[in-house]
């Protein structure tokens, strides 16, 4: 699954996870992407949308 919102283009971001002993390892933060049916003109289609776009009302569910 592609971790990218089709509305706001939110993607995973990377950084370092620092343990108690300050060892650093790579970490990825993934956005909460949902596959939902969205009204697209007169018909509906499936889109990958982040939950913040759904809650903000940027898309209309079908």
PDB file of N, CA and C in Angstrom:
ATOM      1  N   UNK A   1       0.842  -1.186   0.000  1.00  0.00           N
ATOM      2  CA  UNK A   1       0.000   0.000   0.000  1.00  0.00           C
ATOM      3  C   UNK A   1       0.883   1.244   0.000  1.00  0.00           C
ATOM      4  N   UNK A   2       0.503   2.172  -0.796  1.00  0.00           N
ATOM      5  CA  UNK A   2       1.241   3.424  -0.878  1.00  0.00           C
ATOM      6  C   UNK A   2       0.833   4.325   0.287  1.00  0.00           C
ATOM      7  N   UNK A   3       1.789   4.724   1.089  1.00  0.00           N
ATOM      8  CA  UNK A   3       1.500   5.587   2.232  1.00  0.00           C
ATOM      9  C   UNK A   3       1.568   7.043   1.808  1.00  0.00           C
ATOM     10  N   UNK A   4       0.591   7.466   1.023  1.00  0.00           N
ATOM     11  CA  UNK A   4       0.521   8.856   0.584  1.00  0.00           C
ATOM     12  C   UNK A   4      -0.940   9.249   0.428  1.00  0.00           C
ATOM     13  N   UNK A   5      -1.304  10.371   1.033  1.00  0.00           N
ATOM     14  CA  UNK A   5      -2.668  10.868   0.935  1.00  0.00           C
ATOM     15  C   UNK A   5      -2.846  11.504  -0.437  1.00  0.00           C
ATOM     16  N   UNK A   6      -3.944  11.151  -1.129  1.00  0.00           N
ATOM     17  CA  UNK A   6      -4.187  11.691  -2.462  1.00  0.00           C
ATOM     18  C   UNK A   6      -4.749  13.109  -2.417  1.00  0.00           C
ATOM     19  N   UNK A   7      -5.122  13.592  -1.243  1.00  0.00           N
ATOM     20  CA  UNK A   7      -5.674  14.936  -1.109  1.00  0.00           C
ATOM     21  C   UNK A   7      -4.581  15.932  -0.718  1.00  0.00           C
ATOM     22  N   UNK A   8      -3.882  15.655   0.381  1.00  0.00           N
ATOM     23  CA  UNK A   8      -2.893  16.620   0.879  1.00  0.00           C
ATOM     24  C   UNK A   8      -1.452  16.172   0.655  1.00  0.00           C
ATOM     25  N   UNK A   9      -1.242  15.004   0.047  1.00  0.00           N
ATOM     26  CA  UNK A   9       0.085  14.454  -0.263  1.00  0.00           C
ATOM     27  C   UNK A   9       0.937  14.218   0.981  1.00  0.00           C
ATOM     28  N   UNK A  10       0.289  13.894   2.095  1.00  0.00           N
ATOM     29  CA  UNK A  10       1.036  13.575   3.317  1.00  0.00           C
ATOM     30  C   UNK A  10       1.734  12.232   3.130  1.00  0.00           C
ATOM     31  N   UNK A  11       3.023  12.163   3.503  1.00  0.00           N
ATOM     32  CA  UNK A  11       3.842  10.977   3.303  1.00  0.00           C
ATOM     33  C   UNK A  11       4.524  10.590   4.612  1.00  0.00           C
ATOM     34  N   UNK A  12       5.160   9.403   4.648  1.00  0.00           N
ATOM     35  CA  UNK A  12       5.933   9.050   5.835  1.00  0.00           C
ATOM     36  C   UNK A  12       7.108  10.004   6.020  1.00  0.00           C
ATOM     37  N   UNK A  13       7.462  10.246   7.258  1.00  0.00           N
ATOM     38  CA  UNK A  13       8.636  11.060   7.517  1.00  0.00           C
ATOM     39  C   UNK A  13       9.573  10.251   8.397  1.00  0.00           C
ATOM     40  N   UNK A  14      10.858  10.559   8.323  1.00  0.00           N
ATOM     41  CA  UNK A  14      11.882   9.741   8.959  1.00  0.00           C
ATOM     42  C   UNK A  14      12.651  10.572   9.981  1.00  0.00           C
ATOM     43  N   UNK A  15      13.226   9.855  10.917  1.00  0.00           N
ATOM     44  CA  UNK A  15      14.036  10.495  11.943  1.00  0.00           C
ATOM     45  C   UNK A  15      14.801   9.423  12.691  1.00  0.00           C
ATOM     46  N   UNK A  16      15.281   9.777  13.860  1.00  0.00           N
ATOM     47  CA  UNK A  16      16.035   8.841  14.684  1.00  0.00           C
ATOM     48  C   UNK A  16      15.281   8.564  15.977  1.00  0.00           C
ATOM     49  N   UNK A  17      15.298   7.300  16.378  1.00  0.00           N
ATOM     50  CA  UNK A  17      14.748   6.906  17.659  1.00  0.00           C
ATOM     51  C   UNK A  17      15.921   6.809  18.616  1.00  0.00           C
ATOM     52  N   UNK A  18      15.859   7.518  19.728  1.00  0.00           N
ATOM     53  CA  UNK A  18      16.978   7.575  20.666  1.00  0.00           C
ATOM     54  C   UNK A  18      16.602   6.782  21.908  1.00  0.00           C
ATOM     55  N   UNK A  19      17.405   5.759  22.215  1.00  0.00           N
ATOM     56  CA  UNK A  19      17.133   4.923  23.377  1.00  0.00           C
ATOM     57  C   UNK A  19      17.673   5.589  24.648  1.00  0.00           C
ATOM     58  N   UNK A  20      17.465   4.949  25.763  1.00  0.00           N
ATOM     59  CA  UNK A  20      17.948   5.472  27.050  1.00  0.00           C
ATOM     60  C   UNK A  20      19.461   5.617  27.060  1.00  0.00           C
ATOM     61  N   UNK A  21      20.146   4.689  26.393  1.00  0.00           N
ATOM     62  CA  UNK A  21      21.611   4.748  26.329  1.00  0.00           C
ATOM     63  C   UNK A  21      22.100   5.611  25.159  1.00  0.00           C
ATOM     64  N   UNK A  22      21.195   6.321  24.527  1.00  0.00           N
ATOM     65  CA  UNK A  22      21.457   7.224  23.395  1.00  0.00           C
ATOM     66  C   UNK A  22      21.979   6.522  22.149  1.00  0.00           C
ATOM     67  N   UNK A  23      21.649   5.232  22.015  1.00  0.00           N
ATOM     68  CA  UNK A  23      21.890   4.578  20.729  1.00  0.00           C
ATOM     69  C   UNK A  23      20.832   5.080  19.784  1.00  0.00           C
ATOM     70  N   UNK A  24      21.200   5.395  18.564  1.00  0.00           N
ATOM     71  CA  UNK A  24      20.241   5.933  17.604  1.00  0.00           C
ATOM     72  C   UNK A  24      19.956   4.903  16.521  1.00  0.00           C
ATOM     73  N   UNK A  25      18.681   4.731  16.225  1.00  0.00           N
ATOM     74  CA  UNK A  25      18.274   3.858  15.126  1.00  0.00           C
ATOM     75  C   UNK A  25      17.229   4.594  14.303  1.00  0.00           C
ATOM     76  N   UNK A  26      17.129   4.223  13.052  1.00  0.00           N
ATOM     77  CA  UNK A  26      16.191   4.894  12.147  1.00  0.00           C
ATOM     78  C   UNK A  26      14.754   4.543  12.494  1.00  0.00           C
ATOM     79  N   UNK A  27      13.867   5.511  12.315  1.00  0.00           N
ATOM     80  CA  UNK A  27      12.451   5.309  12.591  1.00  0.00           C
ATOM     81  C   UNK A  27      11.632   5.987  11.512  1.00  0.00           C
ATOM     82  N   UNK A  28      10.491   5.370  11.157  1.00  0.00           N
ATOM     83  CA  UNK A  28       9.547   5.954  10.194  1.00  0.00           C
ATOM     84  C   UNK A  28       8.234   6.202  10.895  1.00  0.00           C
ATOM     85  N   UNK A  29       7.659   7.370  10.685  1.00  0.00           N
ATOM     86  CA  UNK A  29       6.329   7.682  11.176  1.00  0.00           C
ATOM     87  C   UNK A  29       5.391   7.639   9.981  1.00  0.00           C
ATOM     88  N   UNK A  30       4.377   6.770  10.060  1.00  0.00           N
ATOM     89  CA  UNK A  30       3.453   6.593   8.944  1.00  0.00           C
ATOM     90  C   UNK A  30       2.164   7.357   9.205  1.00  0.00           C
ATOM     91  N   UNK A  31       1.640   8.072   8.212  1.00  0.00           N
ATOM     92  CA  UNK A  31       0.347   8.725   8.378  1.00  0.00           C
ATOM     93  C   UNK A  31      -0.771   7.685   8.392  1.00  0.00           C
ATOM     94  N   UNK A  32      -1.877   8.025   9.027  1.00  0.00           N
ATOM     95  CA  UNK A  32      -3.017   7.114   9.117  1.00  0.00           C
ATOM     96  C   UNK A  32      -3.824   7.224   7.820  1.00  0.00           C
ATOM     97  N   UNK A  33      -3.524   6.345   6.871  1.00  0.00           N
ATOM     98  CA  UNK A  33      -4.145   6.354   5.551  1.00  0.00           C
ATOM     99  C   UNK A  33      -5.271   5.327   5.515  1.00  0.00           C
ATOM    100  N   UNK A  34      -6.435   5.758   5.036  1.00  0.00           N
ATOM    101  CA  UNK A  34      -7.596   4.889   4.898  1.00  0.00           C
ATOM    102  C   UNK A  34      -8.030   4.863   3.437  1.00  0.00           C
ATOM    103  N   UNK A  35      -8.494   3.688   2.980  1.00  0.00           N
ATOM    104  CA  UNK A  35      -9.061   3.576   1.640  1.00  0.00           C
ATOM    105  C   UNK A  35     -10.567   3.767   1.775  1.00  0.00           C
ATOM    106  N   UNK A  36     -11.100   4.840   1.203  1.00  0.00           N
ATOM    107  CA  UNK A  36     -12.530   5.112   1.331  1.00  0.00           C
ATOM    108  C   UNK A  36     -13.118   5.421  -0.042  1.00  0.00           C
ATOM    109  N   UNK A  37     -14.439   5.244  -0.135  1.00  0.00           N
ATOM    110  CA  UNK A  37     -15.162   5.616  -1.359  1.00  0.00           C
ATOM    111  C   UNK A  37     -15.491   7.091  -1.274  1.00  0.00           C
ATOM    112  N   UNK A  38     -15.115   7.828  -2.308  1.00  0.00           N
ATOM    113  CA  UNK A  38     -15.278   9.277  -2.324  1.00  0.00           C
ATOM    114  C   UNK A  38     -16.118   9.665  -3.535  1.00  0.00           C
ATOM    115  N   UNK A  39     -17.005  10.639  -3.347  1.00  0.00           N
ATOM    116  CA  UNK A  39     -17.763  11.158  -4.485  1.00  0.00           C
ATOM    117  C   UNK A  39     -16.809  11.914  -5.394  1.00  0.00           C
ATOM    118  N   UNK A  40     -16.817  11.528  -6.660  1.00  0.00           N
ATOM    119  CA  UNK A  40     -15.932  12.145  -7.651  1.00  0.00           C
ATOM    120  C   UNK A  40     -16.798  12.521  -8.849  1.00  0.00           C
ATOM    121  N   UNK A  41     -17.312  13.727  -8.840  1.00  0.00           N
ATOM    122  CA  UNK A  41     -18.244  14.134  -9.895  1.00  0.00           C
ATOM    123  C   UNK A  41     -19.590  13.462  -9.677  1.00  0.00           C
ATOM    124  N   UNK A  42     -20.074  12.759 -10.690  1.00  0.00           N
ATOM    125  CA  UNK A  42     -21.371  12.091 -10.566  1.00  0.00           C
ATOM    126  C   UNK A  42     -21.242  10.654 -10.064  1.00  0.00           C
ATOM    127  N   UNK A  43     -20.043  10.104 -10.060  1.00  0.00           N
ATOM    128  CA  UNK A  43     -19.854   8.737  -9.590  1.00  0.00           C
ATOM    129  C   UNK A  43     -18.865   8.704  -8.425  1.00  0.00           C
ATOM    130  N   UNK A  44     -18.603   7.506  -7.901  1.00  0.00           N
ATOM    131  CA  UNK A  44     -17.727   7.349  -6.750  1.00  0.00           C
ATOM    132  C   UNK A  44     -16.481   6.567  -7.153  1.00  0.00           C
ATOM    133  N   UNK A  45     -15.399   6.827  -6.450  1.00  0.00           N
ATOM    134  CA  UNK A  45     -14.162   6.063  -6.657  1.00  0.00           C
ATOM    135  C   UNK A  45     -13.444   5.894  -5.337  1.00  0.00           C
ATOM    136  N   UNK A  46     -12.569   4.924  -5.267  1.00  0.00           N
ATOM    137  CA  UNK A  46     -11.799   4.678  -4.053  1.00  0.00           C
ATOM    138  C   UNK A  46     -10.545   5.555  -4.059  1.00  0.00           C
ATOM    139  N   UNK A  47     -10.272   6.138  -2.904  1.00  0.00           N
ATOM    140  CA  UNK A  47      -9.078   6.970  -2.757  1.00  0.00           C
ATOM    141  C   UNK A  47      -8.385   6.625  -1.459  1.00  0.00           C
ATOM    142  N   UNK A  48      -7.077   6.859  -1.417  1.00  0.00           N
ATOM    143  CA  UNK A  48      -6.315   6.720  -0.179  1.00  0.00           C
ATOM    144  C   UNK A  48      -6.222   8.106   0.442  1.00  0.00           C
ATOM    145  N   UNK A  49      -6.870   8.282   1.588  1.00  0.00           N
ATOM    146  CA  UNK A  49      -6.973   9.594   2.215  1.00  0.00           C
ATOM    147  C   UNK A  49      -6.569   9.469   3.682  1.00  0.00           C
ATOM    148  N   UNK A  50      -5.852  10.469   4.199  1.00  0.00           N
ATOM    149  CA  UNK A  50      -5.478  10.457   5.615  1.00  0.00           C
ATOM    150  C   UNK A  50      -6.682  10.855   6.462  1.00  0.00           C
ATOM    151  N   UNK A  51      -6.670  10.431   7.702  1.00  0.00           N
ATOM    152  CA  UNK A  51      -7.813  10.664   8.578  1.00  0.00           C
ATOM    153  C   UNK A  51      -7.999  12.146   8.893  1.00  0.00           C
ATOM    154  N   UNK A  52      -6.929  12.928   8.861  1.00  0.00           N
ATOM    155  CA  UNK A  52      -7.085  14.363   9.125  1.00  0.00           C
ATOM    156  C   UNK A  52      -7.848  15.043   7.991  1.00  0.00           C
ATOM    157  N   UNK A  53      -7.699  14.587   6.752  1.00  0.00           N
ATOM    158  CA  UNK A  53      -8.467  15.133   5.629  1.00  0.00           C
ATOM    159  C   UNK A  53      -9.932  14.704   5.716  1.00  0.00           C
ATOM    160  N   UNK A  54     -10.176  13.471   6.157  1.00  0.00           N
ATOM    161  CA  UNK A  54     -11.543  12.990   6.303  1.00  0.00           C
ATOM    162  C   UNK A  54     -12.256  13.806   7.378  1.00  0.00           C
ATOM    163  N   UNK A  55     -11.581  14.000   8.507  1.00  0.00           N
ATOM    164  CA  UNK A  55     -12.185  14.729   9.620  1.00  0.00           C
ATOM    165  C   UNK A  55     -12.379  16.207   9.298  1.00  0.00           C
ATOM    166  N   UNK A  56     -11.490  16.785   8.490  1.00  0.00           N
ATOM    167  CA  UNK A  56     -11.584  18.193   8.125  1.00  0.00           C
ATOM    168  C   UNK A  56     -12.659  18.440   7.069  1.00  0.00           C
ATOM    169  N   UNK A  57     -13.193  17.364   6.477  1.00  0.00           N
ATOM    170  CA  UNK A  57     -14.251  17.522   5.479  1.00  0.00           C
ATOM    171  C   UNK A  57     -13.733  17.871   4.097  1.00  0.00           C
ATOM    172  N   UNK A  58     -12.476  17.547   3.823  1.00  0.00           N
ATOM    173  CA  UNK A  58     -11.903  17.844   2.503  1.00  0.00           C
ATOM    174  C   UNK A  58     -12.428  16.905   1.432  1.00  0.00           C
ATOM    175  N   UNK A  59     -12.950  15.755   1.844  1.00  0.00           N
ATOM    176  CA  UNK A  59     -13.554  14.802   0.911  1.00  0.00           C
ATOM    177  C   UNK A  59     -14.958  14.478   1.383  1.00  0.00           C
ATOM    178  N   UNK A  60     -15.807  14.096   0.427  1.00  0.00           N
ATOM    179  CA  UNK A  60     -17.188  13.732   0.757  1.00  0.00           C
ATOM    180  C   UNK A  60     -17.350  12.253   0.506  1.00  0.00           C
ATOM    181  N   UNK A  61     -17.685  11.511   1.551  1.00  0.00           N
ATOM    182  CA  UNK A  61     -17.846  10.064   1.426  1.00  0.00           C
ATOM    183  C   UNK A  61     -19.056   9.735   0.567  1.00  0.00           C
ATOM    184  N   UNK A  62     -18.923   8.634  -0.184  1.00  0.00           N
ATOM    185  CA  UNK A  62     -20.024   8.174  -1.030  1.00  0.00           C
ATOM    186  C   UNK A  62     -20.746   7.019  -0.389  1.00  0.00           C
TER     187      UNK A  62
END
